[in-house]
Amino acid sequence: MSKKVYITDYIDTPHIEKNVLKNNLSNRLDKKIEVLLVWHEHITKEYIDNLPNLKGIVRYGVGYDAIDLEYAKSKNIYVCNTPDYGTEEVSDTAIAMIMNIARGISRYDYKCRDYTDTWQENTINTIKRNSDYKLGVIGAGRIGGSVIQKANALRFQTSFYDPYVQRGYEKMLNTNRVETLKELLKNNDIVSINCPLSKETFAMIDKKFISNMKEGASLVNTARGGIIKDIDVFYEPLKSEKLLNVALDVIPYEPPKNSKLIKAWRNREKWLDGRFILNPHTAYYSDKAYFEMRQKAALNAKRILNGQTPYNIVN
């Protein structure tokens, strides 16, 4: 049997994929390959042209901006992602970051290292009760919708902006819909980014975006790094406290370049005092989510090999 599926990068020990694909899994890239399983590899026109039998490209994760969708479509090649593996994990991370902001956990940890004579009287006077915080979610799909439901249970006042979800969806989520991005930014204490990266959202978080936010608001991004124009767009707003907190799982360049903000963060500069939180793009991960992502991607590749229409086609 010819080996027809190739993993382009990252996965060194493909035991999960092997269990699904059996002898169809190849350890080398050749012209017989019919399906690619892709982690971070850039799948360009040139890459595709070297694979005359290619029928499908399956991304392990959610994003697919490193794949030439239009060219693949012109060649009748499916491009699929795997969006349904880590919804709980990413939304839990967003909620953890939101709760950290609401309760000041990281800020207290930073500040109390210097307390020697006093202790519990050192409160942060901007901290409110959950039910007094307004939380706005940009993008109310699988993850954004999950964030809203969990935040509702924690008594936040929630709303969302998403022109692509059907009318009435807000009633199912027991939340409020706003009609413009500007309205959402102006009215919310915490803004959570949960939208995909697209032409519309690329570099969306810029100086104008931040200037439209409420004074002293906070921002959480567990979506895509490319939605942020530049990491230093947060530097002056954090320093002036236009933005009270920024919590990011994703950034434009990973690992981060040594910009002004990253340098201040690495040096634990006092003015930041725990208000800038950075995770290394790990919101997707738990042991079960990692297994599920790889298994679902392999099962989708198997569907393509079997002549079935795959799930989660993005082109």
C-alpha atoms as a PDB file:
ATOM      1  CA  MET A   1       0.000   0.000   0.000  1.00  0.00           C
ATOM      2  CA  SER A   2       1.389   3.403  -0.962  1.00  0.00           C
ATOM      3  CA  LYS A   3       1.831   5.843   1.880  1.00  0.00           C
ATOM      4  CA  LYS A   4      -0.368   8.863   1.189  1.00  0.00           C
ATOM      5  CA  VAL A   5      -0.376  11.162   4.256  1.00  0.00           C
ATOM      6  CA  TYR A   6       2.569  13.288   5.358  1.00  0.00           C
ATOM      7  CA  ILE A   7       3.026  15.359   8.535  1.00  0.00           C
ATOM      8  CA  THR A   8       4.876  18.516   7.511  1.00  0.00           C
ATOM      9  CA  ASP A   9       6.354  19.648  10.830  1.00  0.00           C
ATOM     10  CA  TYR A  10       6.425  19.622  14.643  1.00  0.00           C
ATOM     11  CA  ILE A  11       5.160  16.080  15.322  1.00  0.00           C
ATOM     12  CA  ASP A  12       8.190  13.860  15.906  1.00  0.00           C
ATOM     13  CA  THR A  13       6.432  10.778  17.266  1.00  0.00           C
ATOM     14  CA  PRO A  14       3.192  10.316  15.336  1.00  0.00           C
ATOM     15  CA  HIS A  15       1.750   7.429  17.348  1.00  0.00           C
ATOM     16  CA  ILE A  16      -1.711   9.033  17.515  1.00  0.00           C
ATOM     17  CA  GLU A  17      -1.812   9.611  13.754  1.00  0.00           C
ATOM     18  CA  LYS A  18      -0.386   6.148  13.069  1.00  0.00           C
ATOM     19  CA  ASN A  19      -3.177   4.561  15.092  1.00  0.00           C
ATOM     20  CA  VAL A  20      -5.750   6.234  12.813  1.00  0.00           C
ATOM     21  CA  LEU A  21      -3.998   6.140   9.440  1.00  0.00           C
ATOM     22  CA  LYS A  22      -2.091   2.842   9.775  1.00  0.00           C
ATOM     23  CA  ASN A  23       0.159   2.245   6.735  1.00  0.00           C
ATOM     24  CA  ASN A  24      -1.112   5.350   4.943  1.00  0.00           C
ATOM     25  CA  LEU A  25       1.209   7.529   7.060  1.00  0.00           C
ATOM     26  CA  SER A  26       4.477   8.361   5.314  1.00  0.00           C
ATOM     27  CA  ASN A  27       7.716   9.519   6.925  1.00  0.00           C
ATOM     28  CA  ARG A  28       8.859  11.288   3.768  1.00  0.00           C
ATOM     29  CA  LEU A  29       7.426  13.815   1.345  1.00  0.00           C
ATOM     30  CA  ASP A  30       7.075  12.508  -2.210  1.00  0.00           C
ATOM     31  CA  LYS A  31       4.831  12.936  -5.226  1.00  0.00           C
ATOM     32  CA  LYS A  32       2.422  10.189  -4.069  1.00  0.00           C
ATOM     33  CA  ILE A  33       1.255  12.216  -1.062  1.00  0.00           C
ATOM     34  CA  GLU A  34      -2.481  12.929  -1.136  1.00  0.00           C
ATOM     35  CA  VAL A  35      -3.007  14.652   2.227  1.00  0.00           C
ATOM     36  CA  LEU A  36      -0.817  16.947   4.311  1.00  0.00           C
ATOM     37  CA  LEU A  37      -1.171  17.279   8.070  1.00  0.00           C
ATOM     38  CA  VAL A  38       0.180  20.748   8.890  1.00  0.00           C
ATOM     39  CA  TRP A  39       1.319  22.407  12.108  1.00  0.00           C
ATOM     40  CA  HIS A  40       3.203  25.652  11.278  1.00  0.00           C
ATOM     41  CA  GLU A  41       4.545  24.917   7.788  1.00  0.00           C
ATOM     42  CA  HIS A  42       3.794  27.542   5.122  1.00  0.00           C
ATOM     43  CA  ILE A  43       1.914  25.801   2.335  1.00  0.00           C
ATOM     44  CA  THR A  44       2.569  27.977  -0.693  1.00  0.00           C
ATOM     45  CA  LYS A  45       1.760  27.635  -4.402  1.00  0.00           C
ATOM     46  CA  GLU A  46       5.261  26.199  -4.937  1.00  0.00           C
ATOM     47  CA  TYR A  47       4.785  23.648  -2.153  1.00  0.00           C
ATOM     48  CA  ILE A  48       1.455  22.536  -3.647  1.00  0.00           C
ATOM     49  CA  ASP A  49       2.855  22.333  -7.194  1.00  0.00           C
ATOM     50  CA  ASN A  50       5.401  19.744  -6.048  1.00  0.00           C
ATOM     51  CA  LEU A  51       2.575  17.388  -5.017  1.00  0.00           C
ATOM     52  CA  PRO A  52       0.575  16.449  -8.144  1.00  0.00           C
ATOM     53  CA  ASN A  53      -1.676  13.978  -6.276  1.00  0.00           C
ATOM     54  CA  LEU A  54      -2.551  16.289  -3.393  1.00  0.00           C
ATOM     55  CA  LYS A  55      -6.247  16.169  -2.444  1.00  0.00           C
ATOM     56  CA  GLY A  56      -6.322  17.777   0.989  1.00  0.00           C
ATOM     57  CA  ILE A  57      -4.492  19.919   3.549  1.00  0.00           C
ATOM     58  CA  VAL A  58      -5.535  19.542   7.180  1.00  0.00           C
ATOM     59  CA  ARG A  59      -4.361  22.054   9.781  1.00  0.00           C
ATOM     60  CA  TYR A  60      -3.902  20.683  13.286  1.00  0.00           C
ATOM     61  CA  GLY A  61      -5.163  23.901  14.872  1.00  0.00           C
ATOM     62  CA  VAL A  62      -7.689  26.624  14.158  1.00  0.00           C
ATOM     63  CA  GLY A  63      -5.754  29.217  12.117  1.00  0.00           C
ATOM     64  CA  TYR A  64      -4.966  28.700   8.439  1.00  0.00           C
ATOM     65  CA  ASP A  65      -3.353  31.977   7.350  1.00  0.00           C
ATOM     66  CA  ALA A  66      -0.096  30.175   6.416  1.00  0.00           C
ATOM     67  CA  ILE A  67      -1.871  28.208   3.668  1.00  0.00           C
ATOM     68  CA  ASP A  68      -2.591  29.579   0.182  1.00  0.00           C
ATOM     69  CA  LEU A  69      -6.348  28.945   0.295  1.00  0.00           C
ATOM     70  CA  GLU A  70      -7.193  30.379  -3.099  1.00  0.00           C
ATOM     71  CA  TYR A  71      -4.530  28.446  -4.961  1.00  0.00           C
ATOM     72  CA  ALA A  72      -5.530  25.222  -3.195  1.00  0.00           C
ATOM     73  CA  LYS A  73      -9.147  25.882  -4.176  1.00  0.00           C
ATOM     74  CA  SER A  74      -8.153  26.465  -7.803  1.00  0.00           C
ATOM     75  CA  LYS A  75      -6.545  23.005  -7.759  1.00  0.00           C
ATOM     76  CA  ASN A  76      -9.650  21.415  -6.130  1.00  0.00           C
ATOM     77  CA  ILE A  77      -7.683  20.690  -2.953  1.00  0.00           C
ATOM     78  CA  TYR A  78      -9.569  20.736   0.327  1.00  0.00           C
ATOM     79  CA  VAL A  79      -8.166  22.923   3.099  1.00  0.00           C
ATOM     80  CA  CYS A  80      -9.544  22.085   6.541  1.00  0.00           C
ATOM     81  CA  ASN A  81      -8.802  23.189  10.071  1.00  0.00           C
ATOM     82  CA  THR A  82      -9.510  21.556  13.432  1.00  0.00           C
ATOM     83  CA  PRO A  83     -11.510  24.120  15.409  1.00  0.00           C
ATOM     84  CA  ASP A  84     -13.371  21.770  17.736  1.00  0.00           C
ATOM     85  CA  TYR A  85     -10.670  20.383  20.002  1.00  0.00           C
ATOM     86  CA  GLY A  86      -9.674  23.073  22.540  1.00  0.00           C
ATOM     87  CA  THR A  87     -12.766  25.204  23.029  1.00  0.00           C
ATOM     88  CA  GLU A  88     -12.869  24.510  26.752  1.00  0.00           C
ATOM     89  CA  GLU A  89      -9.166  25.137  27.239  1.00  0.00           C
ATOM     90  CA  VAL A  90      -8.983  28.447  25.357  1.00  0.00           C
ATOM     91  CA  SER A  91     -12.179  29.811  26.888  1.00  0.00           C
ATOM     92  CA  ASP A  92     -11.007  28.693  30.343  1.00  0.00           C
ATOM     93  CA  THR A  93      -7.738  30.563  29.797  1.00  0.00           C
ATOM     94  CA  ALA A  94      -9.648  33.687  28.734  1.00  0.00           C
ATOM     95  CA  ILE A  95     -11.822  33.416  31.846  1.00  0.00           C
ATOM     96  CA  ALA A  96      -8.754  32.870  34.052  1.00  0.00           C
ATOM     97  CA  MET A  97      -7.186  36.037  32.618  1.00  0.00           C
ATOM     98  CA  ILE A  98     -10.450  37.950  33.064  1.00  0.00           C
ATOM     99  CA  MET A  99     -10.735  36.792  36.681  1.00  0.00           C
ATOM    100  CA  ASN A 100      -7.085  37.663  37.291  1.00  0.00           C
ATOM    101  CA  ILE A 101      -7.827  41.194  36.104  1.00  0.00           C
ATOM    102  CA  ALA A 102     -11.059  41.429  38.082  1.00  0.00           C
ATOM    103  CA  ARG A 103      -9.505  40.236  41.345  1.00  0.00           C
ATOM    104  CA  GLY A 104      -6.010  41.690  40.918  1.00  0.00           C
ATOM    105  CA  ILE A 105      -4.188  38.426  41.651  1.00  0.00           C
ATOM    106  CA  SER A 106      -1.009  39.122  39.658  1.00  0.00           C
ATOM    107  CA  ARG A 107      -0.903  42.739  40.813  1.00  0.00           C
ATOM    108  CA  TYR A 108      -1.181  41.760  44.472  1.00  0.00           C
ATOM    109  CA  ASP A 109       1.525  39.137  43.996  1.00  0.00           C
ATOM    110  CA  TYR A 110       3.828  41.788  42.511  1.00  0.00           C
ATOM    111  CA  LYS A 111       3.061  44.489  45.081  1.00  0.00           C
ATOM    112  CA  CYS A 112       3.094  42.493  48.302  1.00  0.00           C
ATOM    113  CA  ARG A 113       6.733  41.457  47.913  1.00  0.00           C
ATOM    114  CA  ASP A 114       7.601  44.874  49.292  1.00  0.00           C
ATOM    115  CA  TYR A 115       5.169  44.800  52.234  1.00  0.00           C
ATOM    116  CA  THR A 116       7.007  44.323  55.522  1.00  0.00           C
ATOM    117  CA  ASP A 117       5.107  46.435  58.088  1.00  0.00           C
ATOM    118  CA  THR A 118       1.541  46.265  56.752  1.00  0.00           C
ATOM    119  CA  TRP A 119      -0.452  43.546  55.001  1.00  0.00           C
ATOM    120  CA  GLN A 120      -4.200  43.149  54.423  1.00  0.00           C
ATOM    121  CA  GLU A 121      -4.943  46.865  54.356  1.00  0.00           C
ATOM    122  CA  ASN A 122      -2.997  47.176  51.070  1.00  0.00           C
ATOM    123  CA  THR A 123      -5.989  46.902  48.768  1.00  0.00           C
ATOM    124  CA  ILE A 124      -6.215  48.003  45.119  1.00  0.00           C
ATOM    125  CA  ASN A 125      -9.076  50.481  45.098  1.00  0.00           C
ATOM    126  CA  THR A 126      -9.989  49.945  41.425  1.00  0.00           C
ATOM    127  CA  ILE A 127     -11.134  46.366  42.088  1.00  0.00           C
ATOM    128  CA  LYS A 128     -14.897  45.891  41.851  1.00  0.00           C
ATOM    129  CA  ARG A 129     -17.408  43.134  42.422  1.00  0.00           C
ATOM    130  CA  ASN A 130     -17.772  40.858  39.375  1.00  0.00           C
ATOM    131  CA  SER A 131     -21.359  41.948  38.834  1.00  0.00           C
ATOM    132  CA  ASP A 132     -20.176  45.553  38.470  1.00  0.00           C
ATOM    133  CA  TYR A 133     -17.771  44.759  35.619  1.00  0.00           C
ATOM    134  CA  LYS A 134     -18.898  45.038  32.024  1.00  0.00           C
ATOM    135  CA  LEU A 135     -17.242  42.409  29.813  1.00  0.00           C
ATOM    136  CA  GLY A 136     -17.335  42.805  26.033  1.00  0.00           C
ATOM    137  CA  VAL A 137     -16.428  39.880  23.764  1.00  0.00           C
ATOM    138  CA  ILE A 138     -15.320  40.407  20.161  1.00  0.00           C
ATOM    139  CA  GLY A 139     -16.260  37.267  18.248  1.00  0.00           C
ATOM    140  CA  ALA A 140     -19.060  35.075  19.615  1.00  0.00           C
ATOM    141  CA  GLY A 141     -18.253  31.780  17.916  1.00  0.00           C
ATOM    142  CA  ARG A 142     -17.394  28.530  19.687  1.00  0.00           C
ATOM    143  CA  ILE A 143     -14.796  30.043  22.020  1.00  0.00           C
ATOM    144  CA  GLY A 144     -16.275  33.523  22.400  1.00  0.00           C
ATOM    145  CA  GLY A 145     -19.687  32.027  23.093  1.00  0.00           C
ATOM    146  CA  SER A 146     -18.161  29.751  25.720  1.00  0.00           C
ATOM    147  CA  VAL A 147     -16.421  32.755  27.337  1.00  0.00           C
ATOM    148  CA  ILE A 148     -19.758  34.570  27.526  1.00  0.00           C
ATOM    149  CA  GLN A 149     -21.552  31.616  29.133  1.00  0.00           C
ATOM    150  CA  LYS A 150     -18.827  31.131  31.739  1.00  0.00           C
ATOM    151  CA  ALA A 151     -18.649  34.879  32.453  1.00  0.00           C
ATOM    152  CA  ASN A 152     -22.428  34.956  32.901  1.00  0.00           C
ATOM    153  CA  ALA A 153     -22.110  32.246  35.539  1.00  0.00           C
ATOM    154  CA  LEU A 154     -19.533  34.444  37.305  1.00  0.00           C
ATOM    155  CA  ARG A 155     -22.048  37.343  37.234  1.00  0.00           C
ATOM    156  CA  PHE A 156     -20.222  39.649  34.807  1.00  0.00           C
ATOM    157  CA  GLN A 157     -22.393  41.941  32.688  1.00  0.00           C
ATOM    158  CA  THR A 158     -21.681  40.554  29.208  1.00  0.00           C
ATOM    159  CA  SER A 159     -22.124  41.738  25.652  1.00  0.00           C
ATOM    160  CA  PHE A 160     -20.585  40.902  22.283  1.00  0.00           C
ATOM    161  CA  TYR A 161     -19.839  42.322  18.863  1.00  0.00           C
ATOM    162  CA  ASP A 162     -19.987  39.874  15.968  1.00  0.00           C
ATOM    163  CA  PRO A 163     -21.712  40.870  12.707  1.00  0.00           C
ATOM    164  CA  TYR A 164     -21.423  37.306  11.382  1.00  0.00           C
ATOM    165  CA  VAL A 165     -23.604  35.444  13.883  1.00  0.00           C
ATOM    166  CA  GLN A 166     -27.332  35.226  13.268  1.00  0.00           C
ATOM    167  CA  ARG A 167     -29.821  37.574  14.885  1.00  0.00           C
ATOM    168  CA  GLY A 168     -31.249  36.143  18.070  1.00  0.00           C
ATOM    169  CA  TYR A 169     -28.029  34.278  18.919  1.00  0.00           C
ATOM    170  CA  GLU A 170     -27.616  36.679  21.845  1.00  0.00           C
ATOM    171  CA  LYS A 171     -30.806  35.273  23.409  1.00  0.00           C
ATOM    172  CA  MET A 172     -29.398  31.753  23.364  1.00  0.00           C
ATOM    173  CA  LEU A 173     -26.255  33.027  25.124  1.00  0.00           C
ATOM    174  CA  ASN A 174     -28.282  35.185  27.562  1.00  0.00           C
ATOM    175  CA  THR A 175     -26.243  38.258  26.687  1.00  0.00           C
ATOM    176  CA  ASN A 176     -26.484  41.534  24.768  1.00  0.00           C
ATOM    177  CA  ARG A 177     -25.459  42.217  21.180  1.00  0.00           C
ATOM    178  CA  VAL A 178     -23.922  45.565  20.225  1.00  0.00           C
ATOM    179  CA  GLU A 179     -24.051  46.793  16.655  1.00  0.00           C
ATOM    180  CA  THR A 180     -20.614  48.397  16.295  1.00  0.00           C
ATOM    181  CA  LEU A 181     -17.095  47.690  17.485  1.00  0.00           C
ATOM    182  CA  LYS A 182     -16.783  51.281  18.706  1.00  0.00           C
ATOM    183  CA  GLU A 183     -19.830  50.863  20.927  1.00  0.00           C
ATOM    184  CA  LEU A 184     -18.402  47.723  22.503  1.00  0.00           C
ATOM    185  CA  LEU A 185     -15.016  49.344  23.181  1.00  0.00           C
ATOM    186  CA  LYS A 186     -16.545  52.507  24.639  1.00  0.00           C
ATOM    187  CA  ASN A 187     -18.786  50.745  27.166  1.00  0.00           C
ATOM    188  CA  ASN A 188     -16.821  47.807  28.589  1.00  0.00           C
ATOM    189  CA  ASP A 189     -14.362  47.507  31.465  1.00  0.00           C
ATOM    190  CA  ILE A 190     -12.772  44.342  30.058  1.00  0.00           C
ATOM    191  CA  VAL A 191     -12.585  43.383  26.369  1.00  0.00           C
ATOM    192  CA  SER A 192     -11.890  39.783  25.342  1.00  0.00           C
ATOM    193  CA  ILE A 193     -10.695  39.069  21.781  1.00  0.00           C
ATOM    194  CA  ASN A 194     -12.099  35.792  20.463  1.00  0.00           C
ATOM    195  CA  CYS A 195     -12.400  36.387  16.713  1.00  0.00           C
ATOM    196  CA  PRO A 196     -10.473  34.698  13.883  1.00  0.00           C
ATOM    197  CA  LEU A 197      -7.587  36.335  12.042  1.00  0.00           C
ATOM    198  CA  SER A 198      -8.836  37.668   8.690  1.00  0.00           C
ATOM    199  CA  LYS A 199      -8.294  40.616   6.364  1.00  0.00           C
ATOM    200  CA  GLU A 200     -10.824  42.459   8.508  1.00  0.00           C
ATOM    201  CA  THR A 201      -9.188  41.713  11.865  1.00  0.00           C
ATOM    202  CA  PHE A 202      -5.499  41.750  10.866  1.00  0.00           C
ATOM    203  CA  ALA A 203      -3.713  44.438  12.955  1.00  0.00           C
ATOM    204  CA  MET A 204      -7.132  45.509  14.297  1.00  0.00           C
ATOM    205  CA  ILE A 205      -5.728  46.333  17.733  1.00  0.00           C
ATOM    206  CA  ASP A 206      -3.883  49.571  17.057  1.00  0.00           C
ATOM    207  CA  LYS A 207      -3.729  53.075  18.554  1.00  0.00           C
ATOM    208  CA  LYS A 208      -7.188  53.952  17.274  1.00  0.00           C
ATOM    209  CA  PHE A 209      -8.677  50.762  18.713  1.00  0.00           C
ATOM    210  CA  ILE A 210      -7.178  51.511  22.134  1.00  0.00           C
ATOM    211  CA  SER A 211      -8.191  55.175  21.996  1.00  0.00           C
ATOM    212  CA  ASN A 212     -11.799  54.029  21.559  1.00  0.00           C
ATOM    213  CA  MET A 213     -11.619  51.898  24.703  1.00  0.00           C
ATOM    214  CA  LYS A 214     -13.004  53.069  28.015  1.00  0.00           C
ATOM    215  CA  GLU A 215     -10.508  54.887  30.254  1.00  0.00           C
ATOM    216  CA  GLY A 216      -8.900  52.366  32.613  1.00  0.00           C
ATOM    217  CA  ALA A 217     -10.224  49.344  30.691  1.00  0.00           C
ATOM    218  CA  SER A 218      -8.403  46.037  30.276  1.00  0.00           C
ATOM    219  CA  LEU A 219      -7.832  43.753  27.310  1.00  0.00           C
ATOM    220  CA  VAL A 220      -7.477  39.975  26.926  1.00  0.00           C
ATOM    221  CA  ASN A 221      -6.402  38.235  23.697  1.00  0.00           C
ATOM    222  CA  THR A 222      -6.526  34.438  23.427  1.00  0.00           C
ATOM    223  CA  ALA A 223      -7.322  34.482  19.680  1.00  0.00           C
ATOM    224  CA  ARG A 224      -4.537  35.268  17.195  1.00  0.00           C
ATOM    225  CA  GLY A 225      -1.367  37.342  17.543  1.00  0.00           C
ATOM    226  CA  GLY A 226      -1.790  38.994  14.143  1.00  0.00           C
ATOM    227  CA  ILE A 227      -4.876  40.811  15.428  1.00  0.00           C
ATOM    228  CA  ILE A 228      -2.409  43.039  17.331  1.00  0.00           C
ATOM    229  CA  LYS A 229      -0.601  45.531  15.089  1.00  0.00           C
ATOM    230  CA  ASP A 230       2.499  45.690  17.295  1.00  0.00           C
ATOM    231  CA  ILE A 231       3.174  44.685  20.893  1.00  0.00           C
ATOM    232  CA  ASP A 232       4.404  48.203  21.714  1.00  0.00           C
ATOM    233  CA  VAL A 233       0.953  49.599  20.919  1.00  0.00           C
ATOM    234  CA  PHE A 234       0.238  48.772  24.590  1.00  0.00           C
ATOM    235  CA  TYR A 235       3.334  50.471  26.057  1.00  0.00           C
ATOM    236  CA  GLU A 236       2.123  54.068  26.497  1.00  0.00           C
ATOM    237  CA  PRO A 237      -1.505  53.123  27.304  1.00  0.00           C
ATOM    238  CA  LEU A 238      -0.283  50.852  30.122  1.00  0.00           C
ATOM    239  CA  LYS A 239       2.174  53.459  31.377  1.00  0.00           C
ATOM    240  CA  SER A 240      -0.501  56.179  31.476  1.00  0.00           C
ATOM    241  CA  GLU A 241      -3.121  53.692  32.777  1.00  0.00           C
ATOM    242  CA  LYS A 242      -5.389  54.353  29.830  1.00  0.00           C
ATOM    243  CA  LEU A 243      -5.243  50.563  29.856  1.00  0.00           C
ATOM    244  CA  LEU A 244      -5.232  49.118  33.335  1.00  0.00           C
ATOM    245  CA  ASN A 245      -4.325  45.554  32.339  1.00  0.00           C
ATOM    246  CA  VAL A 246      -3.352  43.602  29.234  1.00  0.00           C
ATOM    247  CA  ALA A 247      -3.318  39.790  29.227  1.00  0.00           C
ATOM    248  CA  LEU A 248      -2.135  37.962  26.098  1.00  0.00           C
ATOM    249  CA  ASP A 249      -1.793  34.334  25.127  1.00  0.00           C
ATOM    250  CA  VAL A 250      -0.855  35.324  21.570  1.00  0.00           C
ATOM    251  CA  ILE A 251       1.352  38.108  20.178  1.00  0.00           C
ATOM    252  CA  PRO A 252       2.436  39.242  16.684  1.00  0.00           C
ATOM    253  CA  TYR A 253       5.911  37.662  16.910  1.00  0.00           C
ATOM    254  CA  GLU A 254       6.492  34.444  18.816  1.00  0.00           C
ATOM    255  CA  PRO A 255       8.821  34.257  20.692  1.00  0.00           C
ATOM    256  CA  PRO A 256       8.580  38.016  21.373  1.00  0.00           C
ATOM    257  CA  LYS A 257      11.103  40.464  19.982  1.00  0.00           C
ATOM    258  CA  ASN A 258      12.871  42.626  22.540  1.00  0.00           C
ATOM    259  CA  SER A 259      10.581  45.646  22.157  1.00  0.00           C
ATOM    260  CA  LYS A 260      10.011  48.418  24.724  1.00  0.00           C
ATOM    261  CA  LEU A 261       7.136  46.610  26.405  1.00  0.00           C
ATOM    262  CA  ILE A 262       8.796  43.193  26.368  1.00  0.00           C
ATOM    263  CA  LYS A 263      11.952  44.718  27.841  1.00  0.00           C
ATOM    264  CA  ALA A 264       9.946  46.377  30.651  1.00  0.00           C
ATOM    265  CA  TRP A 265       8.113  43.090  31.279  1.00  0.00           C
ATOM    266  CA  ARG A 266      11.309  41.036  31.374  1.00  0.00           C
ATOM    267  CA  ASN A 267      12.919  43.585  33.716  1.00  0.00           C
ATOM    268  CA  ARG A 268       9.823  43.539  35.976  1.00  0.00           C
ATOM    269  CA  GLU A 269       9.709  47.314  35.885  1.00  0.00           C
ATOM    270  CA  LYS A 270       7.777  48.713  38.791  1.00  0.00           C
ATOM    271  CA  TRP A 271       5.295  50.768  36.785  1.00  0.00           C
ATOM    272  CA  LEU A 272       3.928  47.598  35.169  1.00  0.00           C
ATOM    273  CA  ASP A 273       3.279  46.045  38.629  1.00  0.00           C
ATOM    274  CA  GLY A 274       1.764  42.800  37.336  1.00  0.00           C
ATOM    275  CA  ARG A 275      -0.584  44.523  34.872  1.00  0.00           C
ATOM    276  CA  PHE A 276       0.911  42.903  31.760  1.00  0.00           C
ATOM    277  CA  ILE A 277       0.444  39.122  31.606  1.00  0.00           C
ATOM    278  CA  LEU A 278       1.970  37.031  28.831  1.00  0.00           C
ATOM    279  CA  ASN A 279       1.509  33.299  28.161  1.00  0.00           C
ATOM    280  CA  PRO A 280       3.537  31.452  25.482  1.00  0.00           C
ATOM    281  CA  HIS A 281       0.587  30.642  23.172  1.00  0.00           C
ATOM    282  CA  THR A 282      -0.503  27.693  25.307  1.00  0.00           C
ATOM    283  CA  ALA A 283      -4.215  28.354  25.886  1.00  0.00           C
ATOM    284  CA  TYR A 284      -5.042  25.504  23.493  1.00  0.00           C
ATOM    285  CA  TYR A 285      -3.244  22.897  25.573  1.00  0.00           C
ATOM    286  CA  SER A 286      -4.349  20.238  27.960  1.00  0.00           C
ATOM    287  CA  ASP A 287      -3.377  16.578  27.755  1.00  0.00           C
ATOM    288  CA  LYS A 288      -6.828  15.642  26.437  1.00  0.00           C
ATOM    289  CA  ALA A 289      -7.107  18.594  24.021  1.00  0.00           C
ATOM    290  CA  TYR A 290      -3.692  17.831  22.489  1.00  0.00           C
ATOM    291  CA  PHE A 291      -4.683  14.196  21.903  1.00  0.00           C
ATOM    292  CA  GLU A 292      -8.087  15.199  20.534  1.00  0.00           C
ATOM    293  CA  MET A 293      -6.603  17.748  18.121  1.00  0.00           C
ATOM    294  CA  ARG A 294      -4.201  15.219  16.604  1.00  0.00           C
ATOM    295  CA  GLN A 295      -6.755  12.426  16.450  1.00  0.00           C
ATOM    296  CA  LYS A 296      -9.430  14.616  14.801  1.00  0.00           C
ATOM    297  CA  ALA A 297      -6.949  15.949  12.234  1.00  0.00           C
ATOM    298  CA  ALA A 298      -5.897  12.391  11.352  1.00  0.00           C
ATOM    299  CA  LEU A 299      -9.505  11.223  11.121  1.00  0.00           C
ATOM    300  CA  ASN A 300     -10.246  14.102   8.739  1.00  0.00           C
ATOM    301  CA  ALA A 301      -7.266  13.113   6.591  1.00  0.00           C
ATOM    302  CA  LYS A 302      -8.666   9.584   6.527  1.00  0.00           C
ATOM    303  CA  ARG A 303     -12.008  10.906   5.254  1.00  0.00           C
ATOM    304  CA  ILE A 304     -10.228  12.568   2.320  1.00  0.00           C
ATOM    305  CA  LEU A 305      -8.340   9.353   1.506  1.00  0.00           C
ATOM    306  CA  ASN A 306     -11.635   7.453   1.555  1.00  0.00           C
ATOM    307  CA  GLY A 307     -13.252   9.869  -0.891  1.00  0.00           C
ATOM    308  CA  GLN A 308     -15.560  11.371   1.728  1.00  0.00           C
ATOM    309  CA  THR A 309     -16.183  15.100   2.138  1.00  0.00           C
ATOM    310  CA  PRO A 310     -14.012  16.220   5.083  1.00  0.00           C
ATOM    311  CA  TYR A 311     -15.162  18.300   8.037  1.00  0.00           C
ATOM    312  CA  ASN A 312     -14.332  21.978   8.640  1.00  0.00           C
ATOM    313  CA  ILE A 313     -13.513  22.999   5.053  1.00  0.00           C
ATOM    314  CA  VAL A 314     -12.207  26.605   5.068  1.00  0.00           C
ATOM    315  CA  ASN A 315     -11.668  27.202   1.330  1.00  0.00           C
END
